[in-house]
C-alpha atoms as a PDB file:
ATOM      1  CA  MET A   1     132.986 189.106 150.845  1.00  0.00           C
ATOM      2  CA  VAL A   2     135.647 187.956 152.394  1.00  0.00           C
ATOM      3  CA  GLU A   3     137.614 184.761 151.326  1.00  0.00           C
ATOM      4  CA  LEU A   4     135.071 182.102 151.718  1.00  0.00           C
ATOM      5  CA  ALA A   5     138.253 179.811 153.589  1.00  0.00           C
ATOM      6  CA  GLU A   6     138.968 182.877 155.555  1.00  0.00           C
ATOM      7  CA  LEU A   7     135.017 182.565 156.842  1.00  0.00           C
ATOM      8  CA  HIS A   8     135.542 178.108 156.838  1.00  0.00           C
ATOM      9  CA  ASP A   9     138.405 178.352 159.155  1.00  0.00           C
ATOM     10  CA  LYS A  10     136.109 180.696 161.411  1.00  0.00           C
ATOM     11  CA  ALA A  11     132.915 178.899 161.143  1.00  0.00           C
ATOM     12  CA  LEU A  12     135.412 175.896 162.187  1.00  0.00           C
ATOM     13  CA  ASP A  13     136.295 177.461 165.379  1.00  0.00           C
ATOM     14  CA  ALA A  14     132.341 178.800 166.195  1.00  0.00           C
ATOM     15  CA  THR A  15     131.813 175.179 166.040  1.00  0.00           C
ATOM     16  CA  GLY A  16     134.945 173.779 167.955  1.00  0.00           C
ATOM     17  CA  ARG A  17     134.178 176.234 170.849  1.00  0.00           C
ATOM     18  CA  LEU A  18     130.256 174.198 170.484  1.00  0.00           C
ATOM     19  CA  VAL A  19     131.740 171.268 170.253  1.00  0.00           C
ATOM     20  CA  ILE A  20     134.757 171.724 173.374  1.00  0.00           C
ATOM     21  CA  GLY A  21     131.522 172.261 175.591  1.00  0.00           C
ATOM     22  CA  VAL A  22     129.505 169.916 175.298  1.00  0.00           C
ATOM     23  CA  THR A  23     129.133 168.140 178.443  1.00  0.00           C
ATOM     24  CA  THR A  24     128.923 164.578 178.754  1.00  0.00           C
ATOM     25  CA  ASP A  25     125.732 164.428 179.878  1.00  0.00           C
ATOM     26  CA  GLN A  26     124.401 165.970 176.509  1.00  0.00           C
ATOM     27  CA  TRP A  27     125.929 163.924 173.196  1.00  0.00           C
ATOM     28  CA  ASN A  28     122.908 161.461 173.034  1.00  0.00           C
ATOM     29  CA  ALA A  29     120.636 164.741 173.539  1.00  0.00           C
ATOM     30  CA  ALA A  30     118.740 165.589 170.336  1.00  0.00           C
ATOM     31  CA  THR A  31     118.732 168.285 167.942  1.00  0.00           C
ATOM     32  CA  PRO A  32     117.130 170.238 165.938  1.00  0.00           C
ATOM     33  CA  CYS A  33     117.610 168.174 162.849  1.00  0.00           C
ATOM     34  CA  ALA A  34     115.348 165.289 163.468  1.00  0.00           C
ATOM     35  CA  ASP A  35     117.752 161.917 162.393  1.00  0.00           C
ATOM     36  CA  TRP A  36     120.859 163.089 164.782  1.00  0.00           C
ATOM     37  CA  ASN A  37     121.563 163.891 167.983  1.00  0.00           C
ATOM     38  CA  VAL A  38     124.485 165.416 169.527  1.00  0.00           C
ATOM     39  CA  ARG A  39     126.830 163.123 168.805  1.00  0.00           C
ATOM     40  CA  GLU A  40     125.909 161.892 165.930  1.00  0.00           C
ATOM     41  CA  LEU A  41     125.623 166.096 165.075  1.00  0.00           C
ATOM     42  CA  VAL A  42     128.929 166.160 165.377  1.00  0.00           C
ATOM     43  CA  ASN A  43     130.136 163.473 163.804  1.00  0.00           C
ATOM     44  CA  HIS A  44     128.333 164.289 160.731  1.00  0.00           C
ATOM     45  CA  LEU A  45     131.148 166.942 160.679  1.00  0.00           C
ATOM     46  CA  VAL A  46     134.267 165.407 161.621  1.00  0.00           C
ATOM     47  CA  SER A  47     133.649 162.938 159.155  1.00  0.00           C
ATOM     48  CA  GLY A  48     131.861 165.664 156.403  1.00  0.00           C
ATOM     49  CA  ASN A  49     135.712 167.801 157.424  1.00  0.00           C
ATOM     50  CA  LEU A  50     137.852 164.760 156.264  1.00  0.00           C
ATOM     51  CA  TRP A  51     134.991 164.480 153.173  1.00  0.00           C
ATOM     52  CA  ALA A  52     136.824 168.118 152.550  1.00  0.00           C
ATOM     53  CA  ALA A  53     140.258 166.673 153.318  1.00  0.00           C
ATOM     54  CA  GLU A  54     139.995 164.694 150.347  1.00  0.00           C
ATOM     55  CA  LEU A  55     137.989 165.606 147.716  1.00  0.00           C
ATOM     56  CA  GLY A  56     139.307 169.213 147.873  1.00  0.00           C
ATOM     57  CA  ALA A  57     142.966 167.764 147.490  1.00  0.00           C
ATOM     58  CA  GLY A  58     141.580 166.200 144.006  1.00  0.00           C
ATOM     59  CA  ALA A  59     140.444 162.837 145.830  1.00  0.00           C
ATOM     60  CA  THR A  60     137.272 161.136 144.126  1.00  0.00           C
ATOM     61  CA  ILE A  61     134.215 159.642 145.977  1.00  0.00           C
ATOM     62  CA  ALA A  62     135.195 156.018 145.065  1.00  0.00           C
ATOM     63  CA  ASP A  63     138.428 156.909 146.246  1.00  0.00           C
ATOM     64  CA  VAL A  64     137.019 157.277 149.185  1.00  0.00           C
ATOM     65  CA  GLY A  65     135.382 154.804 148.734  1.00  0.00           C
ATOM     66  CA  ASP A  66     133.790 153.702 153.233  1.00  0.00           C
ATOM     67  CA  ARG A  67     136.848 154.388 154.964  1.00  0.00           C
ATOM     68  CA  LEU A  68     134.887 157.330 156.342  1.00  0.00           C
ATOM     69  CA  ASP A  69     131.595 155.603 157.944  1.00  0.00           C
ATOM     70  CA  GLY A  70     130.706 154.699 160.184  1.00  0.00           C
ATOM     71  CA  ASP A  71     132.145 156.650 163.876  1.00  0.00           C
ATOM     72  CA  VAL A  72     134.638 159.257 162.826  1.00  0.00           C
ATOM     73  CA  LEU A  73     134.969 160.672 166.649  1.00  0.00           C
ATOM     74  CA  GLY A  74     136.697 157.518 168.752  1.00  0.00           C
ATOM     75  CA  ASP A  75     137.029 158.339 172.646  1.00  0.00           C
ATOM     76  CA  ASP A  76     137.926 162.244 171.893  1.00  0.00           C
ATOM     77  CA  PRO A  77     135.375 163.395 170.094  1.00  0.00           C
ATOM     78  CA  ALA A  78     136.486 167.845 170.618  1.00  0.00           C
ATOM     79  CA  ARG A  79     140.200 165.725 169.469  1.00  0.00           C
ATOM     80  CA  ALA A  80     138.407 164.272 166.737  1.00  0.00           C
ATOM     81  CA  TYR A  81     136.526 167.686 165.584  1.00  0.00           C
ATOM     82  CA  GLU A  82     139.973 169.533 166.382  1.00  0.00           C
ATOM     83  CA  ASP A  83     141.971 166.915 163.996  1.00  0.00           C
ATOM     84  CA  SER A  84     139.086 166.693 161.248  1.00  0.00           C
ATOM     85  CA  ALA A  85     139.146 170.983 161.309  1.00  0.00           C
ATOM     86  CA  ARG A  86     142.894 171.143 160.314  1.00  0.00           C
ATOM     87  CA  VAL A  87     143.056 169.235 157.678  1.00  0.00           C
ATOM     88  CA  ALA A  88     139.537 170.869 156.064  1.00  0.00           C
ATOM     89  CA  SER A  89     140.846 174.067 156.704  1.00  0.00           C
ATOM     90  CA  ALA A  90     143.894 173.427 154.861  1.00  0.00           C
ATOM     91  CA  VAL A  91     142.493 172.544 151.483  1.00  0.00           C
ATOM     92  CA  PHE A  92     140.456 175.424 150.976  1.00  0.00           C
ATOM     93  CA  HIS A  93     143.673 177.614 151.592  1.00  0.00           C
ATOM     94  CA  ARG A  94     146.054 175.210 148.423  1.00  0.00           C
ATOM     95  CA  PRO A  95     147.432 177.460 145.430  1.00  0.00           C
ATOM     96  CA  GLY A  96     144.514 176.948 143.350  1.00  0.00           C
ATOM     97  CA  ALA A  97     142.015 175.228 145.611  1.00  0.00           C
ATOM     98  CA  MET A  98     138.980 177.706 145.018  1.00  0.00           C
ATOM     99  CA  ASP A  99     138.588 176.537 141.137  1.00  0.00           C
ATOM    100  CA  ALA A 100     139.808 173.470 141.528  1.00  0.00           C
ATOM    101  CA  PRO A 101     137.149 170.448 139.994  1.00  0.00           C
ATOM    102  CA  CYS A 102     135.321 168.811 143.527  1.00  0.00           C
ATOM    103  CA  ALA A 103     134.167 165.644 142.827  1.00  0.00           C
ATOM    104  CA  VAL A 104     131.211 165.428 144.858  1.00  0.00           C
ATOM    105  CA  SER A 105     128.053 163.838 145.131  1.00  0.00           C
ATOM    106  CA  TYR A 106     126.348 166.644 143.511  1.00  0.00           C
ATOM    107  CA  GLY A 107     129.124 167.355 141.194  1.00  0.00           C
ATOM    108  CA  PRO A 108     132.087 168.335 140.106  1.00  0.00           C
ATOM    109  CA  VAL A 109     131.667 171.515 140.856  1.00  0.00           C
ATOM    110  CA  PRO A 110     134.707 173.463 141.460  1.00  0.00           C
ATOM    111  CA  GLY A 111     136.445 174.183 145.096  1.00  0.00           C
ATOM    112  CA  SER A 112     134.683 177.395 146.219  1.00  0.00           C
ATOM    113  CA  VAL A 113     130.810 176.053 145.848  1.00  0.00           C
ATOM    114  CA  TYR A 114     132.349 173.305 147.496  1.00  0.00           C
ATOM    115  CA  ALA A 115     134.229 175.328 150.594  1.00  0.00           C
ATOM    116  CA  GLY A 116     130.792 177.623 150.239  1.00  0.00           C
ATOM    117  CA  HIS A 117     128.545 174.470 151.686  1.00  0.00           C
ATOM    118  CA  ARG A 118     131.246 172.946 154.193  1.00  0.00           C
ATOM    119  CA  PHE A 119     130.709 176.832 155.552  1.00  0.00           C
ATOM    120  CA  LEU A 120     126.874 176.902 155.624  1.00  0.00           C
ATOM    121  CA  ASP A 121     126.520 173.222 157.013  1.00  0.00           C
ATOM    122  CA  VAL A 122     129.512 174.094 159.894  1.00  0.00           C
ATOM    123  CA  LEU A 123     128.004 176.831 160.972  1.00  0.00           C
ATOM    124  CA  VAL A 124     124.437 176.475 160.552  1.00  0.00           C
ATOM    125  CA  HIS A 125     125.500 172.223 162.879  1.00  0.00           C
ATOM    126  CA  GLY A 126     127.191 174.874 165.086  1.00  0.00           C
ATOM    127  CA  TRP A 127     123.960 176.811 166.042  1.00  0.00           C
ATOM    128  CA  ASP A 128     122.142 173.144 165.973  1.00  0.00           C
ATOM    129  CA  ILE A 129     124.235 172.140 169.094  1.00  0.00           C
ATOM    130  CA  SER A 130     124.149 175.295 170.863  1.00  0.00           C
ATOM    131  CA  MET A 131     121.046 174.215 170.655  1.00  0.00           C
ATOM    132  CA  ALA A 132     120.681 170.948 172.053  1.00  0.00           C
ATOM    133  CA  THR A 133     123.255 171.459 174.541  1.00  0.00           C
ATOM    134  CA  GLY A 134     122.156 175.594 176.249  1.00  0.00           C
ATOM    135  CA  GLN A 135     124.623 176.631 175.093  1.00  0.00           C
ATOM    136  CA  ASP A 136     124.703 180.459 172.956  1.00  0.00           C
ATOM    137  CA  THR A 137     122.620 180.942 169.715  1.00  0.00           C
ATOM    138  CA  THR A 138     123.794 183.527 168.999  1.00  0.00           C
ATOM    139  CA  LEU A 139     126.090 183.921 165.603  1.00  0.00           C
ATOM    140  CA  ASP A 140     128.826 185.944 164.596  1.00  0.00           C
ATOM    141  CA  GLU A 141     127.738 188.755 162.429  1.00  0.00           C
ATOM    142  CA  SER A 142     130.054 187.673 160.148  1.00  0.00           C
ATOM    143  CA  LEU A 143     129.717 185.021 159.604  1.00  0.00           C
ATOM    144  CA  VAL A 144     125.761 185.296 159.495  1.00  0.00           C
ATOM    145  CA  GLN A 145     126.107 187.919 156.503  1.00  0.00           C
ATOM    146  CA  GLY A 146     128.420 185.249 154.394  1.00  0.00           C
ATOM    147  CA  CYS A 147     126.249 183.122 154.626  1.00  0.00           C
ATOM    148  CA  ILE A 148     123.878 184.349 153.506  1.00  0.00           C
ATOM    149  CA  GLU A 149     125.224 185.687 150.590  1.00  0.00           C
ATOM    150  CA  VAL A 150     126.681 181.368 150.126  1.00  0.00           C
ATOM    151  CA  ILE A 151     122.357 180.934 150.187  1.00  0.00           C
ATOM    152  CA  GLU A 152     120.824 183.350 148.225  1.00  0.00           C
ATOM    153  CA  PRO A 153     121.977 183.164 144.727  1.00  0.00           C
ATOM    154  CA  GLN A 154     121.274 179.324 145.822  1.00  0.00           C
ATOM    155  CA  ALA A 155     118.094 179.493 148.028  1.00  0.00           C
ATOM    156  CA  GLU A 156     115.714 177.382 145.886  1.00  0.00           C
ATOM    157  CA  LEU A 157     118.245 174.995 144.710  1.00  0.00           C
ATOM    158  CA  LEU A 158     118.456 174.357 148.445  1.00  0.00           C
ATOM    159  CA  ARG A 159     115.052 173.815 149.683  1.00  0.00           C
ATOM    160  CA  ALA A 160     114.427 171.914 145.814  1.00  0.00           C
ATOM    161  CA  SER A 161     116.982 169.185 147.504  1.00  0.00           C
ATOM    162  CA  GLY A 162     114.927 168.378 150.469  1.00  0.00           C
ATOM    163  CA  MET A 163     117.677 169.193 153.307  1.00  0.00           C
ATOM    164  CA  PHE A 164     115.309 171.753 154.566  1.00  0.00           C
ATOM    165  CA  ARG A 165     112.176 172.383 155.644  1.00  0.00           C
ATOM    166  CA  ASP A 166     110.479 174.569 153.104  1.00  0.00           C
ATOM    167  CA  ASP A 167     107.835 176.177 155.739  1.00  0.00           C
ATOM    168  CA  VAL A 168     109.644 178.885 157.449  1.00  0.00           C
ATOM    169  CA  THR A 169     109.750 182.137 157.134  1.00  0.00           C
ATOM    170  CA  ALA A 170     110.833 184.433 158.893  1.00  0.00           C
ATOM    171  CA  PRO A 171     109.596 187.461 160.078  1.00  0.00           C
ATOM    172  CA  PRO A 172     109.403 191.785 158.514  1.00  0.00           C
ATOM    173  CA  GLY A 173     112.501 193.464 160.179  1.00  0.00           C
ATOM    174  CA  ALA A 174     113.996 189.637 161.348  1.00  0.00           C
ATOM    175  CA  SER A 175     118.212 189.340 162.280  1.00  0.00           C
ATOM    176  CA  SER A 176     119.919 188.378 159.473  1.00  0.00           C
ATOM    177  CA  GLN A 177     120.031 185.432 162.062  1.00  0.00           C
ATOM    178  CA  THR A 178     116.748 184.904 162.276  1.00  0.00           C
ATOM    179  CA  ARG A 179     116.519 185.274 157.878  1.00  0.00           C
ATOM    180  CA  LEU A 180     119.614 183.203 157.338  1.00  0.00           C
ATOM    181  CA  LEU A 181     118.234 180.130 159.591  1.00  0.00           C
ATOM    182  CA  ALA A 182     115.244 180.379 158.064  1.00  0.00           C
ATOM    183  CA  LEU A 183     116.701 179.864 154.674  1.00  0.00           C
ATOM    184  CA  LEU A 184     117.956 177.185 155.944  1.00  0.00           C
ATOM    185  CA  GLY A 185     114.183 175.451 157.437  1.00  0.00           C
ATOM    186  CA  ARG A 186     115.495 176.347 161.008  1.00  0.00           C
ATOM    187  CA  GLU A 187     113.295 178.587 163.377  1.00  0.00           C
ATOM    188  CA  GLY A 188     115.293 180.758 165.603  1.00  0.00           C
END
């Protein structure tokens, strides 16, 4: 498997291109995530990136407190995404980052587990943005394969978390992207 930090970087870049492609009139568009419109979904990604930079560097949830609550996009969502992606990327490239404990809400877990979850979040929400804004929904095959490798050992745990619909299955012979989306409770 390609190194998780590199996969995470590729997903950040791919999703960043989609964020740049959001037009002014699309920020309030509905997304496949029922609770979020496009702006709220991008805010979730930016906040997640900023949390990764903190927790991946050894901070705890208590250390961060409520600093990253609310709107973190400001007037330039694409720039906010770009800046947050840069710091999220950097944290997982630090020496020893994949073995260092991260004090996440479901942890502590090794950095590799957290990096895998960040990779999954960034990739699938990029797809959500593309669906909501009419952009190309085709995911890079290397990212799809990497994400499947991250998810498969944890598929039951992820489904049990309640974060993904559990009534979606891929038909026989489905593409790897369709299988991945089904694992994450999405029809695509």
